[in-house]
Amino acid sequence: MVWRKRLVALVLLVIVPVPLAGGPRTPLDPRPVHTYSIVARDPATGNLGVAVQSHWFSVGSVVTWARAGVGAVATQSLVDPSYGPLGLDLLEAGRSPEDALRGLLAADDGRDVRQVAIVDAQGRVAVHTGSRCIPEAGDHAGDGYSCQANLMERNTVWDAMAAAFEKAEGDFPDRLIAALEAAQGEKGDIRGKQSAAILIVAAKATGRPWEDRLMDLRVEDSPDPVAELKRLVLVHKAYDHMNAGDAAMEHADTEGAQREYGAAEALMPGNLEMVYWHAVALANAGDVDASLPLFQRVFAKDRNWAVLTPRLVTVQLLTVSQGDLDRILGKFK
C-alpha cells in the first residue's frame, strides 16, 4: 500500500510539479554504485535491455531494471534503487520517459548525485546526470538508447560507448556488450573493475514474466567482469539453442532438433551436457544409430554419464529397449 501511494504521488507530480506531501523522497541507504551503463531498445525486435559495469560488488542487483513491453532503467551514481521500479510503473501508467524522470527527480532531495537513464517500448529516451556526480561524468542519448557514466578515468567513455553500440554487428546482447567493452577501452571506472550485468526483456508482455525475461546475467565479483559477462552471454545463447532443440523433439521435428543442437554445440563444443542430451533426444526419436557416437564421445570423457544413462530409462526419460541400451552403453556397461 505504501508503494502504491508513492506511485500515485509521483504520477500526480508529473502532471503538477509541486512538492510531495511529507517532503521529498530521500533514500534510507544510498549506495555509491559509480559506473557506466547503457539502456536501449532493439529496433530489430523491440526487445528492451540494460547493461552495466562497475567497481562495485553485485552492480546488477541495484542498477538494472526492465519490464517487458514497458521499458528499461539504469539508476546509478549515489544510487536510489527505487528509481527502477517506480520509473517502470510510471511508464506503464502511460507517462513518457521525460515525464517519468521529471517526476522522480522532483521528488528526490538527492537528485544532484543521481544518474538515471530510461528508455520506453517506443524507443523514447530520457537521461539525467546530476551536477554533483563525481567527474568524469556525462551521458550520450541516441536513437533508442542512452549511454551514461560517472567516476570515469576519462570523459570520453559515454561517447565511445554510443559509437560502439551504433556500429556493432551481431544481435542485441552483442551490441550491448560492445558498448561496455568500448567503455573499458577508454579505461572505464577510475577505481578499476569488479562486476557487470545484462538484463533483456521482451518487446511485448505475455503475462508470463518468466518467459518475458529473455536474458538476466550477472557477474558479481571478477577481475574482468565484462569479459566474463560476454562469455556468459555466449553460454546463454547456446542453451537457447538447446531449449529450441528440445522443443523441436517434442514435436517430432528431428531435423529441426539436430539443427538447433548442432548450433548449440558449435557455440560450446566442449560442453558434454549439450552433446549428451542431444544423444538422448535422438535415441528417443528412434534414431539410436545416430545417437551412438555422441554417447560414446561423452562417456569417454566422463564415465559418470554412462552410470546416469540406465537411470533415465528407469524414469522413462530415455525410452529405448534393453537391447538398444546395451548398444548405447557398449564397453562402458
C-alpha atoms as a PDB file:
ATOM      1  CA  MET A   1       0.000   0.000   0.000  1.00  0.00           C
ATOM      2  CA  VAL A   2       2.850   2.423   0.845  1.00  0.00           C
ATOM      3  CA  TRP A   3       4.477   1.655  -2.501  1.00  0.00           C
ATOM      4  CA  ARG A   4       1.227   2.313  -4.360  1.00  0.00           C
ATOM      5  CA  LYS A   5       0.796   5.645  -2.573  1.00  0.00           C
ATOM      6  CA  ARG A   6       4.294   6.695  -3.640  1.00  0.00           C
ATOM      7  CA  LEU A   7       3.477   5.821  -7.231  1.00  0.00           C
ATOM      8  CA  VAL A   8       0.230   7.793  -7.179  1.00  0.00           C
ATOM      9  CA  ALA A   9       2.079  10.757  -5.705  1.00  0.00           C
ATOM     10  CA  LEU A  10       4.692  10.577  -8.447  1.00  0.00           C
ATOM     11  CA  VAL A  11       2.052  10.371 -11.179  1.00  0.00           C
ATOM     12  CA  LEU A  12       0.430  13.492  -9.754  1.00  0.00           C
ATOM     13  CA  LEU A  13       3.813  15.180  -9.529  1.00  0.00           C
ATOM     14  CA  VAL A  14       4.424  14.522 -13.226  1.00  0.00           C
ATOM     15  CA  ILE A  15       1.208  16.396 -14.005  1.00  0.00           C
ATOM     16  CA  VAL A  16       1.638  19.211 -11.459  1.00  0.00           C
ATOM     17  CA  PRO A  17       5.279  19.621 -10.308  1.00  0.00           C
ATOM     18  CA  VAL A  18       4.734  20.569  -6.677  1.00  0.00           C
ATOM     19  CA  PRO A  19       6.447  19.149  -3.557  1.00  0.00           C
ATOM     20  CA  LEU A  20       5.092  15.834  -2.354  1.00  0.00           C
ATOM     21  CA  ALA A  21       3.139  15.758   0.877  1.00  0.00           C
ATOM     22  CA  GLY A  22       5.521  14.953   3.700  1.00  0.00           C
ATOM     23  CA  GLY A  23       8.557  16.307   1.838  1.00  0.00           C
ATOM     24  CA  PRO A  24      10.784  14.988  -0.923  1.00  0.00           C
ATOM     25  CA  ARG A  25      11.819  11.355  -1.206  1.00  0.00           C
ATOM     26  CA  THR A  26      15.172  10.584   0.389  1.00  0.00           C
ATOM     27  CA  PRO A  27      16.637   7.061   0.217  1.00  0.00           C
ATOM     28  CA  LEU A  28      17.496   5.397   3.510  1.00  0.00           C
ATOM     29  CA  ASP A  29      20.506   3.531   2.160  1.00  0.00           C
ATOM     30  CA  PRO A  30      22.213   5.311  -0.763  1.00  0.00           C
ATOM     31  CA  ARG A  31      24.987   3.180  -2.249  1.00  0.00           C
ATOM     32  CA  PRO A  32      27.936   4.592  -4.235  1.00  0.00           C
ATOM     33  CA  VAL A  33      27.396   2.495  -7.350  1.00  0.00           C
ATOM     34  CA  HIS A  34      29.516   4.669  -9.638  1.00  0.00           C
ATOM     35  CA  THR A  35      29.534   3.015 -13.001  1.00  0.00           C
ATOM     36  CA  TYR A  36      28.880   3.038 -16.722  1.00  0.00           C
ATOM     37  CA  SER A  37      25.774   1.622 -18.366  1.00  0.00           C
ATOM     38  CA  ILE A  38      23.576   1.550 -21.458  1.00  0.00           C
ATOM     39  CA  VAL A  39      19.792   1.322 -21.778  1.00  0.00           C
ATOM     40  CA  ALA A  40      18.368   0.556 -25.206  1.00  0.00           C
ATOM     41  CA  ARG A  41      15.517  -0.684 -27.341  1.00  0.00           C
ATOM     42  CA  ASP A  42      16.462  -3.102 -30.116  1.00  0.00           C
ATOM     43  CA  PRO A  43      14.944  -1.744 -33.367  1.00  0.00           C
ATOM     44  CA  ALA A  44      15.005  -5.216 -34.935  1.00  0.00           C
ATOM     45  CA  THR A  45      12.979  -6.998 -32.259  1.00  0.00           C
ATOM     46  CA  GLY A  46      11.610  -4.285 -29.977  1.00  0.00           C
ATOM     47  CA  ASN A  47      13.287  -6.007 -27.029  1.00  0.00           C
ATOM     48  CA  LEU A  48      14.451  -3.770 -24.187  1.00  0.00           C
ATOM     49  CA  GLY A  49      17.720  -4.021 -22.330  1.00  0.00           C
ATOM     50  CA  VAL A  50      20.229  -2.558 -19.921  1.00  0.00           C
ATOM     51  CA  ALA A  51      23.877  -3.488 -19.408  1.00  0.00           C
ATOM     52  CA  VAL A  52      26.294  -2.193 -16.789  1.00  0.00           C
ATOM     53  CA  GLN A  53      29.788  -2.499 -15.299  1.00  0.00           C
ATOM     54  CA  SER A  54      31.220  -1.055 -12.080  1.00  0.00           C
ATOM     55  CA  HIS A  55      33.924  -1.376  -9.459  1.00  0.00           C
ATOM     56  CA  TRP A  56      31.173  -2.317  -7.011  1.00  0.00           C
ATOM     57  CA  PHE A  57      30.002  -5.716  -5.846  1.00  0.00           C
ATOM     58  CA  SER A  58      26.818  -7.065  -7.489  1.00  0.00           C
ATOM     59  CA  VAL A  59      26.113  -3.973  -9.574  1.00  0.00           C
ATOM     60  CA  GLY A  60      23.240  -5.644 -11.423  1.00  0.00           C
ATOM     61  CA  SER A  61      21.201  -6.056  -8.253  1.00  0.00           C
ATOM     62  CA  VAL A  62      20.679  -2.296  -7.924  1.00  0.00           C
ATOM     63  CA  VAL A  63      21.309  -0.665 -11.329  1.00  0.00           C
ATOM     64  CA  THR A  64      19.440  -2.781 -13.916  1.00  0.00           C
ATOM     65  CA  TRP A  65      15.654  -2.680 -14.221  1.00  0.00           C
ATOM     66  CA  ALA A  66      13.409  -3.666 -17.132  1.00  0.00           C
ATOM     67  CA  ARG A  67       9.827  -4.742 -17.779  1.00  0.00           C
ATOM     68  CA  ALA A  68       8.560  -6.415 -20.952  1.00  0.00           C
ATOM     69  CA  GLY A  69       6.543  -4.104 -23.169  1.00  0.00           C
ATOM     70  CA  VAL A  70       7.278  -1.167 -20.866  1.00  0.00           C
ATOM     71  CA  GLY A  71      10.902  -0.066 -20.738  1.00  0.00           C
ATOM     72  CA  ALA A  72      14.321  -0.281 -19.118  1.00  0.00           C
ATOM     73  CA  VAL A  73      16.008   1.838 -16.441  1.00  0.00           C
ATOM     74  CA  ALA A  74      19.571   2.263 -15.216  1.00  0.00           C
ATOM     75  CA  THR A  75      19.895   4.018 -11.843  1.00  0.00           C
ATOM     76  CA  GLN A  76      23.437   4.687 -10.618  1.00  0.00           C
ATOM     77  CA  SER A  77      25.975   7.083  -9.013  1.00  0.00           C
ATOM     78  CA  LEU A  78      24.806   7.541  -5.389  1.00  0.00           C
ATOM     79  CA  VAL A  79      22.040   5.206  -6.386  1.00  0.00           C
ATOM     80  CA  ASP A  80      18.408   5.229  -5.291  1.00  0.00           C
ATOM     81  CA  PRO A  81      17.188   1.772  -6.415  1.00  0.00           C
ATOM     82  CA  SER A  82      13.541   2.875  -6.239  1.00  0.00           C
ATOM     83  CA  TYR A  83      14.055   4.838  -9.455  1.00  0.00           C
ATOM     84  CA  GLY A  84      13.968   1.471 -11.235  1.00  0.00           C
ATOM     85  CA  PRO A  85      10.576   0.056 -10.245  1.00  0.00           C
ATOM     86  CA  LEU A  86       8.949   3.470  -9.833  1.00  0.00           C
ATOM     87  CA  GLY A  87      10.184   4.605 -13.234  1.00  0.00           C
ATOM     88  CA  LEU A  88       8.787   1.474 -14.852  1.00  0.00           C
ATOM     89  CA  ASP A  89       5.486   1.917 -13.039  1.00  0.00           C
ATOM     90  CA  LEU A  90       5.225   5.453 -14.388  1.00  0.00           C
ATOM     91  CA  LEU A  91       5.943   4.271 -17.936  1.00  0.00           C
ATOM     92  CA  GLU A  92       3.331   1.555 -17.566  1.00  0.00           C
ATOM     93  CA  ALA A  93       0.881   4.206 -16.378  1.00  0.00           C
ATOM     94  CA  GLY A  94       1.334   5.961 -19.723  1.00  0.00           C
ATOM     95  CA  ARG A  95       3.971   8.554 -18.889  1.00  0.00           C
ATOM     96  CA  SER A  96       6.794   9.371 -21.292  1.00  0.00           C
ATOM     97  CA  PRO A  97      10.367   8.762 -20.148  1.00  0.00           C
ATOM     98  CA  GLU A  98      10.903  12.524 -19.808  1.00  0.00           C
ATOM     99  CA  ASP A  99       7.799  12.958 -17.660  1.00  0.00           C
ATOM    100  CA  ALA A 100       8.623   9.908 -15.556  1.00  0.00           C
ATOM    101  CA  LEU A 101      12.164  11.115 -14.940  1.00  0.00           C
ATOM    102  CA  ARG A 102      10.991  14.633 -14.162  1.00  0.00           C
ATOM    103  CA  GLY A 103       8.637  13.298 -11.515  1.00  0.00           C
ATOM    104  CA  LEU A 104      11.258  11.040  -9.959  1.00  0.00           C
ATOM    105  CA  LEU A 105      13.799  13.841  -9.742  1.00  0.00           C
ATOM    106  CA  ALA A 106      11.357  16.406  -8.393  1.00  0.00           C
ATOM    107  CA  ALA A 107      10.505  14.046  -5.538  1.00  0.00           C
ATOM    108  CA  ASP A 108      14.134  13.402  -4.598  1.00  0.00           C
ATOM    109  CA  ASP A 109      16.388  15.517  -2.361  1.00  0.00           C
ATOM    110  CA  GLY A 110      19.367  13.686  -3.748  1.00  0.00           C
ATOM    111  CA  ARG A 111      18.720  14.402  -7.430  1.00  0.00           C
ATOM    112  CA  ASP A 112      22.098  16.159  -7.813  1.00  0.00           C
ATOM    113  CA  VAL A 113      24.019  12.956  -7.004  1.00  0.00           C
ATOM    114  CA  ARG A 114      21.871  10.669  -9.170  1.00  0.00           C
ATOM    115  CA  GLN A 115      22.499   9.427 -12.666  1.00  0.00           C
ATOM    116  CA  VAL A 116      19.480   7.821 -14.312  1.00  0.00           C
ATOM    117  CA  ALA A 117      18.524   6.755 -17.830  1.00  0.00           C
ATOM    118  CA  ILE A 118      15.165   5.495 -19.092  1.00  0.00           C
ATOM    119  CA  VAL A 119      14.082   4.026 -22.428  1.00  0.00           C
ATOM    120  CA  ASP A 120      10.499   3.023 -23.173  1.00  0.00           C
ATOM    121  CA  ALA A 121       8.903   0.497 -25.525  1.00  0.00           C
ATOM    122  CA  GLN A 122       8.691   3.159 -28.259  1.00  0.00           C
ATOM    123  CA  GLY A 123      12.410   3.861 -28.050  1.00  0.00           C
ATOM    124  CA  ARG A 124      11.978   7.255 -26.393  1.00  0.00           C
ATOM    125  CA  VAL A 125      14.827   8.153 -24.039  1.00  0.00           C
ATOM    126  CA  ALA A 126      15.395  10.400 -21.027  1.00  0.00           C
ATOM    127  CA  VAL A 127      18.640  10.753 -19.068  1.00  0.00           C
ATOM    128  CA  HIS A 128      19.858  12.765 -16.088  1.00  0.00           C
ATOM    129  CA  THR A 129      23.397  13.292 -14.834  1.00  0.00           C
ATOM    130  CA  GLY A 130      23.312  15.190 -11.543  1.00  0.00           C
ATOM    131  CA  SER A 131      25.555  18.213 -11.059  1.00  0.00           C
ATOM    132  CA  ARG A 132      27.279  16.513  -8.114  1.00  0.00           C
ATOM    133  CA  CYS A 133      28.048  13.199  -9.807  1.00  0.00           C
ATOM    134  CA  ILE A 134      31.774  12.562  -9.434  1.00  0.00           C
ATOM    135  CA  PRO A 135      33.743  13.542 -12.545  1.00  0.00           C
ATOM    136  CA  GLU A 136      34.330  12.366 -15.076  1.00  0.00           C
ATOM    137  CA  ALA A 137      30.558  12.075 -15.564  1.00  0.00           C
ATOM    138  CA  GLY A 138      28.240  12.501 -18.515  1.00  0.00           C
ATOM    139  CA  ASP A 139      25.811  10.884 -20.914  1.00  0.00           C
ATOM    140  CA  HIS A 140      25.063  10.424 -24.602  1.00  0.00           C
ATOM    141  CA  ALA A 141      21.464   9.902 -25.725  1.00  0.00           C
ATOM    142  CA  GLY A 142      20.911   8.493 -29.211  1.00  0.00           C
ATOM    143  CA  ASP A 143      18.126   6.974 -31.264  1.00  0.00           C
ATOM    144  CA  GLY A 144      16.519   4.434 -28.930  1.00  0.00           C
ATOM    145  CA  TYR A 145      19.392   4.283 -26.441  1.00  0.00           C
ATOM    146  CA  SER A 146      21.350   6.189 -23.816  1.00  0.00           C
ATOM    147  CA  CYS A 147      24.884   5.661 -22.513  1.00  0.00           C
ATOM    148  CA  GLN A 148      25.904   7.174 -19.166  1.00  0.00           C
ATOM    149  CA  ALA A 149      28.890   7.047 -16.853  1.00  0.00           C
ATOM    150  CA  ASN A 150      30.339   8.641 -13.751  1.00  0.00           C
ATOM    151  CA  LEU A 151      33.596   8.385 -11.794  1.00  0.00           C
ATOM    152  CA  MET A 152      35.383   7.526 -15.031  1.00  0.00           C
ATOM    153  CA  GLU A 153      39.074   7.936 -15.717  1.00  0.00           C
ATOM    154  CA  ARG A 154      38.283   9.823 -18.941  1.00  0.00           C
ATOM    155  CA  ASN A 155      35.408  11.958 -20.202  1.00  0.00           C
ATOM    156  CA  THR A 156      35.417  10.022 -23.494  1.00  0.00           C
ATOM    157  CA  VAL A 157      33.642   6.967 -22.099  1.00  0.00           C
ATOM    158  CA  TRP A 158      29.983   7.684 -22.885  1.00  0.00           C
ATOM    159  CA  ASP A 159      30.632   8.871 -26.447  1.00  0.00           C
ATOM    160  CA  ALA A 160      32.796   5.809 -27.110  1.00  0.00           C
ATOM    161  CA  MET A 161      30.005   3.581 -25.827  1.00  0.00           C
ATOM    162  CA  ALA A 162      27.481   5.234 -28.123  1.00  0.00           C
ATOM    163  CA  ALA A 163      29.723   4.905 -31.165  1.00  0.00           C
ATOM    164  CA  ALA A 164      30.391   1.237 -30.426  1.00  0.00           C
ATOM    165  CA  PHE A 165      26.714   0.443 -29.919  1.00  0.00           C
ATOM    166  CA  GLU A 166      25.747   2.108 -33.193  1.00  0.00           C
ATOM    167  CA  LYS A 167      28.493   0.394 -35.205  1.00  0.00           C
ATOM    168  CA  ALA A 168      28.427  -3.056 -33.594  1.00  0.00           C
ATOM    169  CA  GLU A 169      27.321  -6.073 -35.590  1.00  0.00           C
ATOM    170  CA  GLY A 170      25.531  -9.075 -34.169  1.00  0.00           C
ATOM    171  CA  ASP A 171      22.361  -9.331 -32.160  1.00  0.00           C
ATOM    172  CA  PHE A 172      21.093  -7.111 -29.357  1.00  0.00           C
ATOM    173  CA  PRO A 173      23.116  -8.666 -26.497  1.00  0.00           C
ATOM    174  CA  ASP A 174      26.279  -8.443 -28.601  1.00  0.00           C
ATOM    175  CA  ARG A 175      25.700  -4.742 -29.235  1.00  0.00           C
ATOM    176  CA  LEU A 176      25.107  -4.018 -25.540  1.00  0.00           C
ATOM    177  CA  ILE A 177      28.304  -5.852 -24.653  1.00  0.00           C
ATOM    178  CA  ALA A 178      30.159  -3.909 -27.358  1.00  0.00           C
ATOM    179  CA  ALA A 179      29.193  -0.688 -25.586  1.00  0.00           C
ATOM    180  CA  LEU A 180      30.607  -1.993 -22.297  1.00  0.00           C
ATOM    181  CA  GLU A 181      33.812  -3.098 -23.999  1.00  0.00           C
ATOM    182  CA  ALA A 182      34.201   0.344 -25.556  1.00  0.00           C
ATOM    183  CA  ALA A 183      33.892   1.957 -22.126  1.00  0.00           C
ATOM    184  CA  GLN A 184      36.595  -0.306 -20.783  1.00  0.00           C
ATOM    185  CA  GLY A 185      38.696   0.566 -23.821  1.00  0.00           C
ATOM    186  CA  GLU A 186      38.587   4.154 -22.563  1.00  0.00           C
ATOM    187  CA  LYS A 187      39.845   2.951 -19.143  1.00  0.00           C
ATOM    188  CA  GLY A 188      36.324   2.867 -17.640  1.00  0.00           C
ATOM    189  CA  ASP A 189      35.808   3.262 -13.898  1.00  0.00           C
ATOM    190  CA  ILE A 190      38.804   5.090 -12.396  1.00  0.00           C
ATOM    191  CA  ARG A 191      38.778   2.595  -9.480  1.00  0.00           C
ATOM    192  CA  GLY A 192      39.013  -0.473 -11.715  1.00  0.00           C
ATOM    193  CA  LYS A 193      36.661  -3.407 -12.446  1.00  0.00           C
ATOM    194  CA  GLN A 194      34.545  -5.717 -10.309  1.00  0.00           C
ATOM    195  CA  SER A 195      31.047  -6.618 -11.512  1.00  0.00           C
ATOM    196  CA  ALA A 196      28.811  -6.436 -14.571  1.00  0.00           C
ATOM    197  CA  ALA A 197      25.285  -7.384 -15.617  1.00  0.00           C
ATOM    198  CA  ILE A 198      22.929  -7.554 -18.580  1.00  0.00           C
ATOM    199  CA  LEU A 199      19.121  -7.676 -18.484  1.00  0.00           C
ATOM    200  CA  ILE A 200      16.933  -8.058 -21.586  1.00  0.00           C
ATOM    201  CA  VAL A 201      13.138  -8.360 -21.683  1.00  0.00           C
ATOM    202  CA  ALA A 202      10.685  -8.979 -24.492  1.00  0.00           C
ATOM    203  CA  ALA A 203       9.113  -6.287 -26.650  1.00  0.00           C
ATOM    204  CA  LYS A 204       5.639  -7.334 -25.514  1.00  0.00           C
ATOM    205  CA  ALA A 205       4.474  -8.793 -22.227  1.00  0.00           C
ATOM    206  CA  THR A 206       2.903 -12.240 -22.339  1.00  0.00           C
ATOM    207  CA  GLY A 207       1.618 -12.260 -18.770  1.00  0.00           C
ATOM    208  CA  ARG A 208       4.297 -14.882 -18.008  1.00  0.00           C
ATOM    209  CA  PRO A 209       7.207 -12.889 -16.561  1.00  0.00           C
ATOM    210  CA  TRP A 210       9.496 -15.932 -16.528  1.00  0.00           C
ATOM    211  CA  GLU A 211       9.185 -16.071 -20.322  1.00  0.00           C
ATOM    212  CA  ASP A 212       9.377 -12.303 -20.839  1.00  0.00           C
ATOM    213  CA  ARG A 213      12.789 -12.097 -19.132  1.00  0.00           C
ATOM    214  CA  LEU A 214      14.911 -13.171 -22.080  1.00  0.00           C
ATOM    215  CA  MET A 215      18.350 -12.724 -20.531  1.00  0.00           C
ATOM    216  CA  ASP A 216      19.330 -11.925 -16.954  1.00  0.00           C
ATOM    217  CA  LEU A 217      23.033 -12.471 -16.290  1.00  0.00           C
ATOM    218  CA  ARG A 218      25.278 -11.125 -13.551  1.00  0.00           C
ATOM    219  CA  VAL A 219      28.957 -11.281 -12.776  1.00  0.00           C
ATOM    220  CA  GLU A 220      29.091 -10.326  -9.132  1.00  0.00           C
ATOM    221  CA  ASP A 221      32.839 -10.225  -8.457  1.00  0.00           C
ATOM    222  CA  SER A 222      35.547 -10.734 -11.071  1.00  0.00           C
ATOM    223  CA  PRO A 223      38.890  -9.238 -12.116  1.00  0.00           C
ATOM    224  CA  ASP A 224      37.491  -8.922 -15.671  1.00  0.00           C
ATOM    225  CA  PRO A 225      33.691  -8.748 -15.383  1.00  0.00           C
ATOM    226  CA  VAL A 226      32.871  -7.599 -18.919  1.00  0.00           C
ATOM    227  CA  ALA A 227      34.873 -10.442 -20.447  1.00  0.00           C
ATOM    228  CA  GLU A 228      33.132 -12.911 -18.127  1.00  0.00           C
ATOM    229  CA  LEU A 229      29.736 -11.406 -18.942  1.00  0.00           C
ATOM    230  CA  LYS A 230      30.486 -11.798 -22.646  1.00  0.00           C
ATOM    231  CA  ARG A 231      31.291 -15.480 -22.058  1.00  0.00           C
ATOM    232  CA  LEU A 232      28.039 -15.986 -20.157  1.00  0.00           C
ATOM    233  CA  VAL A 233      26.075 -14.371 -22.987  1.00  0.00           C
ATOM    234  CA  LEU A 234      27.583 -16.975 -25.328  1.00  0.00           C
ATOM    235  CA  VAL A 235      26.624 -19.785 -22.931  1.00  0.00           C
ATOM    236  CA  HIS A 236      23.095 -18.375 -22.709  1.00  0.00           C
ATOM    237  CA  LYS A 237      22.768 -18.385 -26.492  1.00  0.00           C
ATOM    238  CA  ALA A 238      23.950 -21.989 -26.647  1.00  0.00           C
ATOM    239  CA  TYR A 239      21.344 -23.075 -24.114  1.00  0.00           C
ATOM    240  CA  ASP A 240      18.679 -21.159 -26.022  1.00  0.00           C
ATOM    241  CA  HIS A 241      19.512 -23.418 -28.978  1.00  0.00           C
ATOM    242  CA  MET A 242      19.345 -26.467 -26.687  1.00  0.00           C
ATOM    243  CA  ASN A 243      15.890 -25.439 -25.492  1.00  0.00           C
ATOM    244  CA  ALA A 244      14.764 -24.921 -29.077  1.00  0.00           C
ATOM    245  CA  GLY A 245      16.108 -28.359 -29.938  1.00  0.00           C
ATOM    246  CA  ASP A 246      14.173 -29.927 -27.081  1.00  0.00           C
ATOM    247  CA  ALA A 247      11.012 -28.173 -28.250  1.00  0.00           C
ATOM    248  CA  ALA A 248      11.567 -29.467 -31.780  1.00  0.00           C
ATOM    249  CA  MET A 249      11.951 -33.024 -30.475  1.00  0.00           C
ATOM    250  CA  GLU A 250       8.683 -32.692 -28.566  1.00  0.00           C
ATOM    251  CA  HIS A 251       7.024 -32.002 -31.924  1.00  0.00           C
ATOM    252  CA  ALA A 252       8.840 -34.881 -33.635  1.00  0.00           C
ATOM    253  CA  ASP A 253      10.885 -32.424 -35.720  1.00  0.00           C
ATOM    254  CA  THR A 254      14.135 -34.384 -35.751  1.00  0.00           C
ATOM    255  CA  GLU A 255      15.678 -32.274 -38.491  1.00  0.00           C
ATOM    256  CA  GLY A 256      14.940 -29.056 -36.625  1.00  0.00           C
ATOM    257  CA  ALA A 257      16.231 -30.524 -33.389  1.00  0.00           C
ATOM    258  CA  GLN A 258      19.516 -31.597 -34.937  1.00  0.00           C
ATOM    259  CA  ARG A 259      19.930 -28.131 -36.429  1.00  0.00           C
ATOM    260  CA  GLU A 260      19.400 -26.484 -33.035  1.00  0.00           C
ATOM    261  CA  TYR A 261      21.558 -28.949 -31.138  1.00  0.00           C
ATOM    262  CA  GLY A 262      24.279 -28.519 -33.745  1.00  0.00           C
ATOM    263  CA  ALA A 263      24.153 -24.749 -33.306  1.00  0.00           C
ATOM    264  CA  ALA A 264      24.472 -25.157 -29.530  1.00  0.00           C
ATOM    265  CA  GLU A 265      27.441 -27.486 -29.850  1.00  0.00           C
ATOM    266  CA  ALA A 266      29.119 -25.154 -32.340  1.00  0.00           C
ATOM    267  CA  LEU A 267      28.964 -22.375 -29.752  1.00  0.00           C
ATOM    268  CA  MET A 268      30.199 -24.632 -26.925  1.00  0.00           C
ATOM    269  CA  PRO A 269      31.974 -27.643 -28.447  1.00  0.00           C
ATOM    270  CA  GLY A 270      33.437 -28.749 -25.133  1.00  0.00           C
ATOM    271  CA  ASN A 271      30.148 -28.898 -23.220  1.00  0.00           C
ATOM    272  CA  LEU A 272      29.418 -32.591 -22.570  1.00  0.00           C
ATOM    273  CA  GLU A 273      25.896 -31.962 -21.322  1.00  0.00           C
ATOM    274  CA  MET A 274      24.832 -30.490 -24.657  1.00  0.00           C
ATOM    275  CA  VAL A 275      26.208 -33.461 -26.541  1.00  0.00           C
ATOM    276  CA  TYR A 276      24.619 -35.903 -24.094  1.00  0.00           C
ATOM    277  CA  TRP A 277      21.081 -34.545 -24.231  1.00  0.00           C
ATOM    278  CA  HIS A 278      21.358 -34.288 -27.990  1.00  0.00           C
ATOM    279  CA  ALA A 279      22.118 -38.015 -27.993  1.00  0.00           C
ATOM    280  CA  VAL A 280      19.194 -38.743 -25.654  1.00  0.00           C
ATOM    281  CA  ALA A 281      16.817 -36.808 -27.903  1.00  0.00           C
ATOM    282  CA  LEU A 282      17.974 -38.710 -30.987  1.00  0.00           C
ATOM    283  CA  ALA A 283      17.586 -42.052 -29.224  1.00  0.00           C
ATOM    284  CA  ASN A 284      14.096 -41.143 -28.022  1.00  0.00           C
ATOM    285  CA  ALA A 285      13.192 -40.239 -31.609  1.00  0.00           C
ATOM    286  CA  GLY A 286      14.158 -43.748 -32.668  1.00  0.00           C
ATOM    287  CA  ASP A 287      17.492 -42.837 -34.270  1.00  0.00           C
ATOM    288  CA  VAL A 288      19.724 -44.827 -31.942  1.00  0.00           C
ATOM    289  CA  ASP A 289      22.383 -45.276 -34.637  1.00  0.00           C
ATOM    290  CA  ALA A 290      22.868 -41.512 -34.880  1.00  0.00           C
ATOM    291  CA  SER A 291      22.999 -41.205 -31.098  1.00  0.00           C
ATOM    292  CA  LEU A 292      25.741 -43.791 -30.556  1.00  0.00           C
ATOM    293  CA  PRO A 293      28.813 -41.700 -31.498  1.00  0.00           C
ATOM    294  CA  LEU A 294      27.537 -38.842 -29.362  1.00  0.00           C
ATOM    295  CA  PHE A 295      27.011 -41.081 -26.334  1.00  0.00           C
ATOM    296  CA  GLN A 296      30.423 -42.674 -26.810  1.00  0.00           C
ATOM    297  CA  ARG A 297      32.139 -39.281 -27.029  1.00  0.00           C
ATOM    298  CA  VAL A 298      30.568 -38.199 -23.742  1.00  0.00           C
ATOM    299  CA  PHE A 299      31.226 -41.483 -21.917  1.00  0.00           C
ATOM    300  CA  ALA A 300      34.882 -41.417 -22.981  1.00  0.00           C
ATOM    301  CA  LYS A 301      35.297 -38.028 -21.344  1.00  0.00           C
ATOM    302  CA  ASP A 302      33.333 -38.759 -18.163  1.00  0.00           C
ATOM    303  CA  ARG A 303      32.134 -42.252 -17.238  1.00  0.00           C
ATOM    304  CA  ASN A 304      29.503 -40.876 -14.827  1.00  0.00           C
ATOM    305  CA  TRP A 305      27.291 -40.119 -17.823  1.00  0.00           C
ATOM    306  CA  ALA A 306      27.252 -43.853 -18.582  1.00  0.00           C
ATOM    307  CA  VAL A 307      26.246 -44.523 -14.962  1.00  0.00           C
ATOM    308  CA  LEU A 308      23.424 -41.995 -15.321  1.00  0.00           C
ATOM    309  CA  THR A 309      22.010 -43.375 -18.562  1.00  0.00           C
ATOM    310  CA  PRO A 310      20.216 -46.513 -17.240  1.00  0.00           C
ATOM    311  CA  ARG A 311      18.622 -44.370 -14.545  1.00  0.00           C
ATOM    312  CA  LEU A 312      16.959 -42.312 -17.288  1.00  0.00           C
ATOM    313  CA  VAL A 313      15.416 -45.497 -18.634  1.00  0.00           C
ATOM    314  CA  THR A 314      14.018 -46.285 -15.185  1.00  0.00           C
ATOM    315  CA  VAL A 315      12.124 -42.967 -15.068  1.00  0.00           C
ATOM    316  CA  GLN A 316      11.252 -43.066 -18.800  1.00  0.00           C
ATOM    317  CA  LEU A 317      13.323 -40.064 -19.804  1.00  0.00           C
ATOM    318  CA  LEU A 318      15.211 -42.376 -22.150  1.00  0.00           C
ATOM    319  CA  THR A 319      12.724 -44.646 -23.946  1.00  0.00           C
ATOM    320  CA  VAL A 320      14.816 -47.385 -25.527  1.00  0.00           C
ATOM    321  CA  SER A 321      14.756 -51.169 -25.379  1.00  0.00           C
ATOM    322  CA  GLN A 322      17.190 -53.145 -23.265  1.00  0.00           C
ATOM    323  CA  GLY A 323      18.985 -54.143 -26.438  1.00  0.00           C
ATOM    324  CA  ASP A 324      19.405 -50.523 -27.544  1.00  0.00           C
ATOM    325  CA  LEU A 325      20.502 -49.534 -24.044  1.00  0.00           C
ATOM    326  CA  ASP A 326      23.215 -52.192 -24.215  1.00  0.00           C
ATOM    327  CA  ARG A 327      24.322 -50.767 -27.569  1.00  0.00           C
ATOM    328  CA  ILE A 328      24.421 -47.252 -26.122  1.00  0.00           C
ATOM    329  CA  LEU A 329      26.470 -48.265 -23.107  1.00  0.00           C
ATOM    330  CA  GLY A 330      28.797 -50.553 -25.085  1.00  0.00           C
ATOM    331  CA  LYS A 331      32.101 -51.072 -23.316  1.00  0.00           C
ATOM    332  CA  PHE A 332      31.060 -48.633 -20.566  1.00  0.00           C
ATOM    333  CA  LYS A 333      28.472 -51.060 -19.090  1.00  0.00           C
END
